[in-house]
């Protein structure tokens, strides 16, 4: 996930959002010692980064344990190159060491 330089909470604006109790509990569970508010900030920064075109790869090819051929159903972005993958384009799904499936462009795993 996107990690911004640590900002003191005193330098942040206070924003209130309503979350379903079940969602908040899941976020707390996923966040662990990081805290769910920090996790929410990371999620939001990652989303903003991807949507604004300021994508910076968070993975390297060494993080990919296996790949599966697929066809994009929606607009995706390769986690290795940042290249856009359009709907109906061939792509790969990469299995990470943590068990996540991430979008990959077809040429992203090719050796240089």
PDB file of N, CA and C in Angstrom:
ATOM      1  N   UNK A   1       0.817  -1.185   0.000  1.00  0.00           N
ATOM      2  CA  UNK A   1       0.000   0.000   0.000  1.00  0.00           C
ATOM      3  C   UNK A   1       0.854   1.238   0.000  1.00  0.00           C
ATOM      4  N   UNK A   2       0.233   2.294  -0.373  1.00  0.00           N
ATOM      5  CA  UNK A   2       0.915   3.581  -0.435  1.00  0.00           C
ATOM      6  C   UNK A   2       1.249   4.030   0.971  1.00  0.00           C
ATOM      7  N   UNK A   3       2.468   4.452   1.211  1.00  0.00           N
ATOM      8  CA  UNK A   3       2.837   4.951   2.515  1.00  0.00           C
ATOM      9  C   UNK A   3       3.380   6.356   2.369  1.00  0.00           C
ATOM     10  N   UNK A   4       2.665   7.296   2.930  1.00  0.00           N
ATOM     11  CA  UNK A   4       3.068   8.687   2.929  1.00  0.00           C
ATOM     12  C   UNK A   4       3.998   8.901   4.108  1.00  0.00           C
ATOM     13  N   UNK A   5       4.900   9.880   3.980  1.00  0.00           N
ATOM     14  CA  UNK A   5       5.763  10.191   5.105  1.00  0.00           C
ATOM     15  C   UNK A   5       4.880  10.443   6.325  1.00  0.00           C
ATOM     16  N   UNK A   6       5.316   9.992   7.468  1.00  0.00           N
ATOM     17  CA  UNK A   6       4.515  10.124   8.682  1.00  0.00           C
ATOM     18  C   UNK A   6       4.203  11.594   8.955  1.00  0.00           C
ATOM     19  N   UNK A   7       2.918  11.862   9.132  1.00  0.00           N
ATOM     20  CA  UNK A   7       2.437  13.197   9.465  1.00  0.00           C
ATOM     21  C   UNK A   7       1.903  13.140  10.876  1.00  0.00           C
ATOM     22  N   UNK A   8       2.280  14.119  11.682  1.00  0.00           N
ATOM     23  CA  UNK A   8       1.759  14.163  13.051  1.00  0.00           C
ATOM     24  C   UNK A   8       0.251  14.333  13.003  1.00  0.00           C
ATOM     25  N   UNK A   9      -0.434  13.634  13.865  1.00  0.00           N
ATOM     26  CA  UNK A   9      -1.891  13.743  13.860  1.00  0.00           C
ATOM     27  C   UNK A   9      -2.357  15.160  14.147  1.00  0.00           C
ATOM     28  N   UNK A  10      -1.543  15.960  14.809  1.00  0.00           N
ATOM     29  CA  UNK A  10      -1.923  17.357  15.063  1.00  0.00           C
ATOM     30  C   UNK A  10      -1.924  18.180  13.782  1.00  0.00           C
ATOM     31  N   UNK A  11      -1.257  17.682  12.717  1.00  0.00           N
ATOM     32  CA  UNK A  11      -1.214  18.375  11.436  1.00  0.00           C
ATOM     33  C   UNK A  11      -2.272  17.851  10.464  1.00  0.00           C
ATOM     34  N   UNK A  12      -3.157  16.974  10.938  1.00  0.00           N
ATOM     35  CA  UNK A  12      -4.197  16.402  10.083  1.00  0.00           C
ATOM     36  C   UNK A  12      -5.535  17.061  10.386  1.00  0.00           C
ATOM     37  N   UNK A  13      -6.378  17.123   9.369  1.00  0.00           N
ATOM     38  CA  UNK A  13      -7.747  17.577   9.565  1.00  0.00           C
ATOM     39  C   UNK A  13      -8.574  16.441  10.128  1.00  0.00           C
ATOM     40  N   UNK A  14      -9.480  16.773  11.010  1.00  0.00           N
ATOM     41  CA  UNK A  14     -10.377  15.775  11.567  1.00  0.00           C
ATOM     42  C   UNK A  14     -11.556  15.611  10.621  1.00  0.00           C
ATOM     43  N   UNK A  15     -11.844  14.379  10.248  1.00  0.00           N
ATOM     44  CA  UNK A  15     -12.970  14.053   9.378  1.00  0.00           C
ATOM     45  C   UNK A  15     -13.730  12.912  10.011  1.00  0.00           C
ATOM     46  N   UNK A  16     -15.022  13.025   9.991  1.00  0.00           N
ATOM     47  CA  UNK A  16     -15.858  11.975  10.550  1.00  0.00           C
ATOM     48  C   UNK A  16     -16.551  11.235   9.414  1.00  0.00           C
ATOM     49  N   UNK A  17     -16.458   9.905   9.431  1.00  0.00           N
ATOM     50  CA  UNK A  17     -17.207   9.090   8.470  1.00  0.00           C
ATOM     51  C   UNK A  17     -17.952   8.020   9.250  1.00  0.00           C
ATOM     52  N   UNK A  18     -19.032   7.583   8.680  1.00  0.00           N
ATOM     53  CA  UNK A  18     -19.807   6.518   9.312  1.00  0.00           C
ATOM     54  C   UNK A  18     -19.472   5.206   8.623  1.00  0.00           C
ATOM     55  N   UNK A  19     -19.129   4.215   9.427  1.00  0.00           N
ATOM     56  CA  UNK A  19     -18.801   2.882   8.929  1.00  0.00           C
ATOM     57  C   UNK A  19     -19.713   1.872   9.602  1.00  0.00           C
ATOM     58  N   UNK A  20     -20.096   0.865   8.849  1.00  0.00           N
ATOM     59  CA  UNK A  20     -20.825  -0.229   9.453  1.00  0.00           C
ATOM     60  C   UNK A  20     -19.929  -0.867  10.521  1.00  0.00           C
ATOM     61  N   UNK A  21     -20.534  -1.276  11.610  1.00  0.00           N
ATOM     62  CA  UNK A  21     -19.756  -1.862  12.708  1.00  0.00           C
ATOM     63  C   UNK A  21     -18.923  -3.053  12.222  1.00  0.00           C
ATOM     64  N   UNK A  22     -19.512  -3.863  11.338  1.00  0.00           N
ATOM     65  CA  UNK A  22     -18.817  -5.041  10.808  1.00  0.00           C
ATOM     66  C   UNK A  22     -17.585  -4.618   9.989  1.00  0.00           C
ATOM     67  N   UNK A  23     -17.696  -3.543   9.197  1.00  0.00           N
ATOM     68  CA  UNK A  23     -16.565  -3.050   8.415  1.00  0.00           C
ATOM     69  C   UNK A  23     -15.470  -2.535   9.340  1.00  0.00           C
ATOM     70  N   UNK A  24     -15.850  -1.766  10.335  1.00  0.00           N
ATOM     71  CA  UNK A  24     -14.872  -1.232  11.282  1.00  0.00           C
ATOM     72  C   UNK A  24     -14.146  -2.365  12.009  1.00  0.00           C
ATOM     73  N   UNK A  25     -14.894  -3.394  12.424  1.00  0.00           N
ATOM     74  CA  UNK A  25     -14.275  -4.539  13.097  1.00  0.00           C
ATOM     75  C   UNK A  25     -13.278  -5.250  12.178  1.00  0.00           C
ATOM     76  N   UNK A  26     -13.650  -5.418  10.895  1.00  0.00           N
ATOM     77  CA  UNK A  26     -12.741  -6.062   9.929  1.00  0.00           C
ATOM     78  C   UNK A  26     -11.487  -5.210   9.724  1.00  0.00           C
ATOM     79  N   UNK A  27     -11.667  -3.891   9.614  1.00  0.00           N
ATOM     80  CA  UNK A  27     -10.512  -3.001   9.445  1.00  0.00           C
ATOM     81  C   UNK A  27      -9.579  -3.090  10.646  1.00  0.00           C
ATOM     82  N   UNK A  28     -10.140  -3.118  11.832  1.00  0.00           N
ATOM     83  CA  UNK A  28      -9.319  -3.248  13.047  1.00  0.00           C
ATOM     84  C   UNK A  28      -8.541  -4.566  13.027  1.00  0.00           C
ATOM     85  N   UNK A  29      -9.222  -5.625  12.616  1.00  0.00           N
ATOM     86  CA  UNK A  29      -8.601  -6.949  12.543  1.00  0.00           C
ATOM     87  C   UNK A  29      -7.443  -6.947  11.541  1.00  0.00           C
ATOM     88  N   UNK A  30      -7.665  -6.352  10.373  1.00  0.00           N
ATOM     89  CA  UNK A  30      -6.635  -6.307   9.332  1.00  0.00           C
ATOM     90  C   UNK A  30      -5.477  -5.393   9.700  1.00  0.00           C
ATOM     91  N   UNK A  31      -5.777  -4.321  10.427  1.00  0.00           N
ATOM     92  CA  UNK A  31      -4.763  -3.315  10.743  1.00  0.00           C
ATOM     93  C   UNK A  31      -3.763  -3.795  11.777  1.00  0.00           C
ATOM     94  N   UNK A  32      -4.195  -4.635  12.680  1.00  0.00           N
ATOM     95  CA  UNK A  32      -3.303  -5.087  13.740  1.00  0.00           C
ATOM     96  C   UNK A  32      -2.778  -3.919  14.548  1.00  0.00           C
ATOM     97  N   UNK A  33      -1.492  -3.906  14.808  1.00  0.00           N
ATOM     98  CA  UNK A  33      -0.899  -2.851  15.636  1.00  0.00           C
ATOM     99  C   UNK A  33      -0.799  -1.507  14.919  1.00  0.00           C
ATOM    100  N   UNK A  34      -1.006  -1.504  13.594  1.00  0.00           N
ATOM    101  CA  UNK A  34      -0.945  -0.260  12.822  1.00  0.00           C
ATOM    102  C   UNK A  34      -2.099   0.668  13.200  1.00  0.00           C
ATOM    103  N   UNK A  35      -3.226   0.102  13.565  1.00  0.00           N
ATOM    104  CA  UNK A  35      -4.410   0.897  13.866  1.00  0.00           C
ATOM    105  C   UNK A  35      -5.267   1.055  12.625  1.00  0.00           C
ATOM    106  N   UNK A  36      -6.575   0.973  12.802  1.00  0.00           N
ATOM    107  CA  UNK A  36      -7.461   0.983  11.630  1.00  0.00           C
ATOM    108  C   UNK A  36      -7.534   2.338  10.953  1.00  0.00           C
ATOM    109  N   UNK A  37      -7.349   3.443  11.679  1.00  0.00           N
ATOM    110  CA  UNK A  37      -7.384   4.752  11.033  1.00  0.00           C
ATOM    111  C   UNK A  37      -6.189   4.927  10.095  1.00  0.00           C
ATOM    112  N   UNK A  38      -5.023   4.458  10.509  1.00  0.00           N
ATOM    113  CA  UNK A  38      -3.843   4.517   9.640  1.00  0.00           C
ATOM    114  C   UNK A  38      -4.056   3.635   8.412  1.00  0.00           C
ATOM    115  N   UNK A  39      -4.700   2.476   8.613  1.00  0.00           N
ATOM    116  CA  UNK A  39      -4.997   1.589   7.488  1.00  0.00           C
ATOM    117  C   UNK A  39      -5.952   2.279   6.510  1.00  0.00           C
ATOM    118  N   UNK A  40      -6.968   2.936   7.023  1.00  0.00           N
ATOM    119  CA  UNK A  40      -7.907   3.658   6.154  1.00  0.00           C
ATOM    120  C   UNK A  40      -7.176   4.739   5.373  1.00  0.00           C
ATOM    121  N   UNK A  41      -6.274   5.481   6.015  1.00  0.00           N
ATOM    122  CA  UNK A  41      -5.489   6.506   5.298  1.00  0.00           C
ATOM    123  C   UNK A  41      -4.655   5.866   4.194  1.00  0.00           C
ATOM    124  N   UNK A  42      -4.006   4.722   4.478  1.00  0.00           N
ATOM    125  CA  UNK A  42      -3.208   4.026   3.459  1.00  0.00           C
ATOM    126  C   UNK A  42      -4.077   3.597   2.281  1.00  0.00           C
ATOM    127  N   UNK A  43      -5.252   3.061   2.590  1.00  0.00           N
ATOM    128  CA  UNK A  43      -6.176   2.636   1.531  1.00  0.00           C
ATOM    129  C   UNK A  43      -6.588   3.828   0.675  1.00  0.00           C
ATOM    130  N   UNK A  44      -6.930   4.935   1.319  1.00  0.00           N
ATOM    131  CA  UNK A  44      -7.361   6.127   0.578  1.00  0.00           C
ATOM    132  C   UNK A  44      -6.221   6.711  -0.259  1.00  0.00           C
ATOM    133  N   UNK A  45      -5.014   6.762   0.301  1.00  0.00           N
ATOM    134  CA  UNK A  45      -3.874   7.272  -0.475  1.00  0.00           C
ATOM    135  C   UNK A  45      -3.589   6.378  -1.681  1.00  0.00           C
ATOM    136  N   UNK A  46      -3.688   5.068  -1.495  1.00  0.00           N
ATOM    137  CA  UNK A  46      -3.472   4.137  -2.598  1.00  0.00           C
ATOM    138  C   UNK A  46      -4.492   4.378  -3.705  1.00  0.00           C
ATOM    139  N   UNK A  47      -5.743   4.537  -3.324  1.00  0.00           N
ATOM    140  CA  UNK A  47      -6.809   4.798  -4.305  1.00  0.00           C
ATOM    141  C   UNK A  47      -6.551   6.105  -5.055  1.00  0.00           C
ATOM    142  N   UNK A  48      -6.229   7.157  -4.325  1.00  0.00           N
ATOM    143  CA  UNK A  48      -5.967   8.468  -4.942  1.00  0.00           C
ATOM    144  C   UNK A  48      -4.763   8.373  -5.882  1.00  0.00           C
ATOM    145  N   UNK A  49      -3.726   7.676  -5.458  1.00  0.00           N
ATOM    146  CA  UNK A  49      -2.524   7.512  -6.272  1.00  0.00           C
ATOM    147  C   UNK A  49      -2.855   6.800  -7.581  1.00  0.00           C
ATOM    148  N   UNK A  50      -3.621   5.727  -7.516  1.00  0.00           N
ATOM    149  CA  UNK A  50      -3.969   4.973  -8.721  1.00  0.00           C
ATOM    150  C   UNK A  50      -4.849   5.787  -9.643  1.00  0.00           C
ATOM    151  N   UNK A  51      -5.843   6.470  -9.096  1.00  0.00           N
ATOM    152  CA  UNK A  51      -6.794   7.224  -9.916  1.00  0.00           C
ATOM    153  C   UNK A  51      -6.187   8.496 -10.498  1.00  0.00           C
ATOM    154  N   UNK A  52      -5.185   9.059  -9.847  1.00  0.00           N
ATOM    155  CA  UNK A  52      -4.597  10.312 -10.320  1.00  0.00           C
ATOM    156  C   UNK A  52      -3.475  10.099 -11.333  1.00  0.00           C
ATOM    157  N   UNK A  53      -3.072   8.851 -11.545  1.00  0.00           N
ATOM    158  CA  UNK A  53      -1.988   8.574 -12.484  1.00  0.00           C
ATOM    159  C   UNK A  53      -0.611   8.704 -11.857  1.00  0.00           C
ATOM    160  N   UNK A  54      -0.546   8.918 -10.549  1.00  0.00           N
ATOM    161  CA  UNK A  54       0.737   9.046  -9.849  1.00  0.00           C
ATOM    162  C   UNK A  54       1.218   7.695  -9.339  1.00  0.00           C
ATOM    163  N   UNK A  55       0.925   6.649 -10.098  1.00  0.00           N
ATOM    164  CA  UNK A  55       1.213   5.296  -9.656  1.00  0.00           C
ATOM    165  C   UNK A  55       2.707   5.041  -9.536  1.00  0.00           C
ATOM    166  N   UNK A  56       3.106   4.435  -8.448  1.00  0.00           N
ATOM    167  CA  UNK A  56       4.475   3.969  -8.267  1.00  0.00           C
ATOM    168  C   UNK A  56       4.393   2.497  -7.875  1.00  0.00           C
ATOM    169  N   UNK A  57       5.054   1.624  -8.611  1.00  0.00           N
ATOM    170  CA  UNK A  57       4.949   0.197  -8.308  1.00  0.00           C
ATOM    171  C   UNK A  57       5.292  -0.118  -6.855  1.00  0.00           C
ATOM    172  N   UNK A  58       4.496  -0.994  -6.259  1.00  0.00           N
ATOM    173  CA  UNK A  58       4.688  -1.419  -4.875  1.00  0.00           C
ATOM    174  C   UNK A  58       5.281  -2.835  -4.822  1.00  0.00           C
ATOM    175  N   UNK A  59       5.355  -3.482  -5.980  1.00  0.00           N
ATOM    176  CA  UNK A  59       5.810  -4.862  -6.055  1.00  0.00           C
ATOM    177  C   UNK A  59       6.974  -4.963  -7.034  1.00  0.00           C
ATOM    178  N   UNK A  60       7.764  -6.021  -6.878  1.00  0.00           N
ATOM    179  CA  UNK A  60       8.777  -6.353  -7.875  1.00  0.00           C
ATOM    180  C   UNK A  60       8.432  -7.749  -8.387  1.00  0.00           C
ATOM    181  N   UNK A  61       9.056  -8.154  -9.473  1.00  0.00           N
ATOM    182  CA  UNK A  61       8.773  -9.477 -10.034  1.00  0.00           C
ATOM    183  C   UNK A  61       9.116 -10.592  -9.039  1.00  0.00           C
ATOM    184  N   UNK A  62      10.007 -10.305  -8.078  1.00  0.00           N
ATOM    185  CA  UNK A  62      10.372 -11.305  -7.064  1.00  0.00           C
ATOM    186  C   UNK A  62       9.217 -11.585  -6.098  1.00  0.00           C
ATOM    187  N   UNK A  63       8.246 -10.663  -6.035  1.00  0.00           N
ATOM    188  CA  UNK A  63       7.091 -10.854  -5.157  1.00  0.00           C
ATOM    189  C   UNK A  63       6.049 -11.784  -5.764  1.00  0.00           C
ATOM    190  N   UNK A  64       6.168 -12.072  -7.066  1.00  0.00           N
ATOM    191  CA  UNK A  64       5.185 -12.888  -7.764  1.00  0.00           C
ATOM    192  C   UNK A  64       5.632 -14.347  -7.746  1.00  0.00           C
ATOM    193  N   UNK A  65       4.817 -15.220  -7.158  1.00  0.00           N
ATOM    194  CA  UNK A  65       5.157 -16.633  -7.022  1.00  0.00           C
ATOM    195  C   UNK A  65       4.642 -17.464  -8.193  1.00  0.00           C
ATOM    196  N   UNK A  66       3.531 -17.052  -8.804  1.00  0.00           N
ATOM    197  CA  UNK A  66       2.942 -17.771  -9.935  1.00  0.00           C
ATOM    198  C   UNK A  66       2.042 -16.794 -10.673  1.00  0.00           C
ATOM    199  N   UNK A  67       1.727 -17.128 -11.927  1.00  0.00           N
ATOM    200  CA  UNK A  67       0.822 -16.269 -12.685  1.00  0.00           C
ATOM    201  C   UNK A  67      -0.180 -17.120 -13.461  1.00  0.00           C
ATOM    202  N   UNK A  68      -1.332 -16.527 -13.689  1.00  0.00           N
ATOM    203  CA  UNK A  68      -2.437 -17.182 -14.391  1.00  0.00           C
ATOM    204  C   UNK A  68      -2.884 -16.249 -15.510  1.00  0.00           C
ATOM    205  N   UNK A  69      -3.078 -16.778 -16.705  1.00  0.00           N
ATOM    206  CA  UNK A  69      -3.572 -15.937 -17.791  1.00  0.00           C
ATOM    207  C   UNK A  69      -5.034 -15.593 -17.526  1.00  0.00           C
ATOM    208  N   UNK A  70      -5.410 -14.378 -17.912  1.00  0.00           N
ATOM    209  CA  UNK A  70      -6.768 -13.898 -17.677  1.00  0.00           C
ATOM    210  C   UNK A  70      -7.112 -12.832 -18.709  1.00  0.00           C
ATOM    211  N   UNK A  71      -8.353 -12.403 -18.685  1.00  0.00           N
ATOM    212  CA  UNK A  71      -8.825 -11.304 -19.516  1.00  0.00           C
ATOM    213  C   UNK A  71      -9.406 -10.248 -18.590  1.00  0.00           C
ATOM    214  N   UNK A  72      -8.969  -9.020 -18.733  1.00  0.00           N
ATOM    215  CA  UNK A  72      -9.474  -7.939 -17.878  1.00  0.00           C
ATOM    216  C   UNK A  72     -10.955  -7.716 -18.142  1.00  0.00           C
ATOM    217  N   UNK A  73     -11.721  -7.611 -17.099  1.00  0.00           N
ATOM    218  CA  UNK A  73     -13.144  -7.300 -17.212  1.00  0.00           C
ATOM    219  C   UNK A  73     -13.391  -5.813 -16.959  1.00  0.00           C
ATOM    220  N   UNK A  74     -12.475  -5.204 -16.249  1.00  0.00           N
ATOM    221  CA  UNK A  74     -12.541  -3.777 -15.923  1.00  0.00           C
ATOM    222  C   UNK A  74     -11.170  -3.162 -16.177  1.00  0.00           C
ATOM    223  N   UNK A  75     -11.102  -1.858 -16.108  1.00  0.00           N
ATOM    224  CA  UNK A  75      -9.815  -1.163 -16.190  1.00  0.00           C
ATOM    225  C   UNK A  75      -8.968  -1.603 -15.005  1.00  0.00           C
ATOM    226  N   UNK A  76      -7.744  -2.035 -15.266  1.00  0.00           N
ATOM    227  CA  UNK A  76      -6.820  -2.467 -14.223  1.00  0.00           C
ATOM    228  C   UNK A  76      -5.500  -1.744 -14.418  1.00  0.00           C
ATOM    229  N   UNK A  77      -4.623  -1.853 -13.452  1.00  0.00           N
ATOM    230  CA  UNK A  77      -3.292  -1.265 -13.555  1.00  0.00           C
ATOM    231  C   UNK A  77      -2.291  -2.303 -13.083  1.00  0.00           C
ATOM    232  N   UNK A  78      -1.291  -2.575 -13.917  1.00  0.00           N
ATOM    233  CA  UNK A  78      -0.261  -3.551 -13.581  1.00  0.00           C
ATOM    234  C   UNK A  78       0.495  -3.102 -12.325  1.00  0.00           C
ATOM    235  N   UNK A  79       0.607  -4.012 -11.347  1.00  0.00           N
ATOM    236  CA  UNK A  79       1.284  -3.654 -10.107  1.00  0.00           C
ATOM    237  C   UNK A  79       2.800  -3.565 -10.257  1.00  0.00           C
ATOM    238  N   UNK A  80       3.344  -4.076 -11.352  1.00  0.00           N
ATOM    239  CA  UNK A  80       4.790  -4.007 -11.567  1.00  0.00           C
ATOM    240  C   UNK A  80       5.206  -2.796 -12.391  1.00  0.00           C
ATOM    241  N   UNK A  81       4.440  -2.475 -13.414  1.00  0.00           N
ATOM    242  CA  UNK A  81       4.842  -1.408 -14.339  1.00  0.00           C
ATOM    243  C   UNK A  81       3.977  -0.166 -14.251  1.00  0.00           C
ATOM    244  N   UNK A  82       2.796  -0.293 -13.677  1.00  0.00           N
ATOM    245  CA  UNK A  82       1.864   0.826 -13.645  1.00  0.00           C
ATOM    246  C   UNK A  82       1.086   0.983 -14.935  1.00  0.00           C
ATOM    247  N   UNK A  83       1.363   0.124 -15.921  1.00  0.00           N
ATOM    248  CA  UNK A  83       0.690   0.192 -17.218  1.00  0.00           C
ATOM    249  C   UNK A  83      -0.794  -0.111 -17.057  1.00  0.00           C
ATOM    250  N   UNK A  84      -1.609   0.675 -17.764  1.00  0.00           N
ATOM    251  CA  UNK A  84      -3.045   0.457 -17.757  1.00  0.00           C
ATOM    252  C   UNK A  84      -3.388  -0.797 -18.565  1.00  0.00           C
ATOM    253  N   UNK A  85      -4.327  -1.561 -18.060  1.00  0.00           N
ATOM    254  CA  UNK A  85      -4.834  -2.751 -18.746  1.00  0.00           C
ATOM    255  C   UNK A  85      -6.314  -2.485 -18.996  1.00  0.00           C
ATOM    256  N   UNK A  86      -6.685  -2.406 -20.260  1.00  0.00           N
ATOM    257  CA  UNK A  86      -8.061  -2.064 -20.616  1.00  0.00           C
ATOM    258  C   UNK A  86      -8.984  -3.280 -20.568  1.00  0.00           C
ATOM    259  N   UNK A  87     -10.292  -3.027 -20.394  1.00  0.00           N
ATOM    260  CA  UNK A  87     -11.241  -4.144 -20.416  1.00  0.00           C
ATOM    261  C   UNK A  87     -11.095  -4.974 -21.688  1.00  0.00           C
ATOM    262  N   UNK A  88     -11.189  -6.257 -21.552  1.00  0.00           N
ATOM    263  CA  UNK A  88     -11.094  -7.266 -22.606  1.00  0.00           C
ATOM    264  C   UNK A  88      -9.673  -7.488 -23.122  1.00  0.00           C
ATOM    265  N   UNK A  89      -8.676  -6.809 -22.561  1.00  0.00           N
ATOM    266  CA  UNK A  89      -7.280  -7.075 -22.925  1.00  0.00           C
ATOM    267  C   UNK A  89      -6.781  -8.300 -22.162  1.00  0.00           C
ATOM    268  N   UNK A  90      -5.875  -9.076 -22.804  1.00  0.00           N
ATOM    269  CA  UNK A  90      -5.246 -10.172 -22.068  1.00  0.00           C
ATOM    270  C   UNK A  90      -4.393  -9.609 -20.931  1.00  0.00           C
ATOM    271  N   UNK A  91      -4.325 -10.317 -19.853  1.00  0.00           N
ATOM    272  CA  UNK A  91      -3.526  -9.902 -18.702  1.00  0.00           C
ATOM    273  C   UNK A  91      -3.120 -11.152 -17.935  1.00  0.00           C
ATOM    274  N   UNK A  92      -2.386 -10.962 -16.877  1.00  0.00           N
ATOM    275  CA  UNK A  92      -2.032 -12.043 -15.961  1.00  0.00           C
ATOM    276  C   UNK A  92      -2.539 -11.685 -14.576  1.00  0.00           C
ATOM    277  N   UNK A  93      -2.830 -12.698 -13.802  1.00  0.00           N
ATOM    278  CA  UNK A  93      -3.073 -12.515 -12.383  1.00  0.00           C
ATOM    279  C   UNK A  93      -1.872 -13.111 -11.674  1.00  0.00           C
ATOM    280  N   UNK A  94      -1.175 -12.304 -10.896  1.00  0.00           N
ATOM    281  CA  UNK A  94       0.010 -12.763 -10.202  1.00  0.00           C
ATOM    282  C   UNK A  94      -0.306 -13.116  -8.765  1.00  0.00           C
ATOM    283  N   UNK A  95       0.131 -14.291  -8.332  1.00  0.00           N
ATOM    284  CA  UNK A  95      -0.046 -14.716  -6.953  1.00  0.00           C
ATOM    285  C   UNK A  95       1.159 -14.258  -6.142  1.00  0.00           C
ATOM    286  N   UNK A  96       0.912 -13.452  -5.112  1.00  0.00           N
ATOM    287  CA  UNK A  96       2.006 -12.946  -4.289  1.00  0.00           C
ATOM    288  C   UNK A  96       2.320 -13.918  -3.157  1.00  0.00           C
ATOM    289  N   UNK A  97       3.414 -13.682  -2.495  1.00  0.00           N
ATOM    290  CA  UNK A  97       3.820 -14.508  -1.364  1.00  0.00           C
ATOM    291  C   UNK A  97       2.792 -14.458  -0.236  1.00  0.00           C
ATOM    292  N   UNK A  98       1.982 -13.395  -0.204  1.00  0.00           N
ATOM    293  CA  UNK A  98       0.958 -13.253   0.838  1.00  0.00           C
ATOM    294  C   UNK A  98      -0.377 -13.857   0.425  1.00  0.00           C
ATOM    295  N   UNK A  99      -0.424 -14.449  -0.780  1.00  0.00           N
ATOM    296  CA  UNK A  99      -1.642 -15.098  -1.223  1.00  0.00           C
ATOM    297  C   UNK A  99      -2.619 -14.195  -1.952  1.00  0.00           C
ATOM    298  N   UNK A 100      -2.198 -12.970  -2.296  1.00  0.00           N
ATOM    299  CA  UNK A 100      -3.063 -12.052  -3.035  1.00  0.00           C
ATOM    300  C   UNK A 100      -2.899 -12.269  -4.531  1.00  0.00           C
ATOM    301  N   UNK A 101      -3.984 -12.093  -5.276  1.00  0.00           N
ATOM    302  CA  UNK A 101      -3.917 -12.079  -6.736  1.00  0.00           C
ATOM    303  C   UNK A 101      -3.894 -10.631  -7.177  1.00  0.00           C
ATOM    304  N   UNK A 102      -2.861 -10.262  -7.932  1.00  0.00           N
ATOM    305  CA  UNK A 102      -2.702  -8.874  -8.361  1.00  0.00           C
ATOM    306  C   UNK A 102      -2.654  -8.802  -9.885  1.00  0.00           C
ATOM    307  N   UNK A 103      -3.141  -7.683 -10.470  1.00  0.00           N
ATOM    308  CA  UNK A 103      -3.140  -7.565 -11.929  1.00  0.00           C
ATOM    309  C   UNK A 103      -1.732  -7.308 -12.483  1.00  0.00           C
ATOM    310  N   UNK A 104      -1.427  -7.987 -13.585  1.00  0.00           N
ATOM    311  CA  UNK A 104      -0.134  -7.824 -14.260  1.00  0.00           C
ATOM    312  C   UNK A 104      -0.378  -7.675 -15.760  1.00  0.00           C
ATOM    313  N   UNK A 105       0.366  -6.792 -16.392  1.00  0.00           N
ATOM    314  CA  UNK A 105       0.316  -6.744 -17.850  1.00  0.00           C
ATOM    315  C   UNK A 105       1.058  -7.973 -18.376  1.00  0.00           C
ATOM    316  N   UNK A 106       0.705  -8.414 -19.557  1.00  0.00           N
ATOM    317  CA  UNK A 106       1.263  -9.650 -20.116  1.00  0.00           C
ATOM    318  C   UNK A 106       2.786  -9.597 -20.193  1.00  0.00           C
ATOM    319  N   UNK A 107       3.333  -8.460 -20.575  1.00  0.00           N
ATOM    320  CA  UNK A 107       4.791  -8.367 -20.741  1.00  0.00           C
ATOM    321  C   UNK A 107       5.548  -8.044 -19.450  1.00  0.00           C
ATOM    322  N   UNK A 108       4.862  -7.824 -18.346  1.00  0.00           N
ATOM    323  CA  UNK A 108       5.526  -7.375 -17.118  1.00  0.00           C
ATOM    324  C   UNK A 108       6.475  -8.401 -16.507  1.00  0.00           C
ATOM    325  N   UNK A 109       6.264  -9.679 -16.767  1.00  0.00           N
ATOM    326  CA  UNK A 109       7.140 -10.707 -16.196  1.00  0.00           C
ATOM    327  C   UNK A 109       8.226 -11.167 -17.169  1.00  0.00           C
ATOM    328  N   UNK A 110       8.243 -10.588 -18.367  1.00  0.00           N
ATOM    329  CA  UNK A 110       9.257 -10.957 -19.348  1.00  0.00           C
ATOM    330  C   UNK A 110      10.633 -10.530 -18.870  1.00  0.00           C
ATOM    331  N   UNK A 111      11.605 -11.378 -19.063  1.00  0.00           N
ATOM    332  CA  UNK A 111      12.971 -11.037 -18.686  1.00  0.00           C
ATOM    333  C   UNK A 111      13.491  -9.951 -19.619  1.00  0.00           C
ATOM    334  N   UNK A 112      14.268  -8.982 -19.069  1.00  0.00           N
ATOM    335  CA  UNK A 112      14.808  -7.898 -19.911  1.00  0.00           C
ATOM    336  C   UNK A 112      15.822  -8.371 -20.914  1.00  0.00           C
TER     337      UNK A 112
END
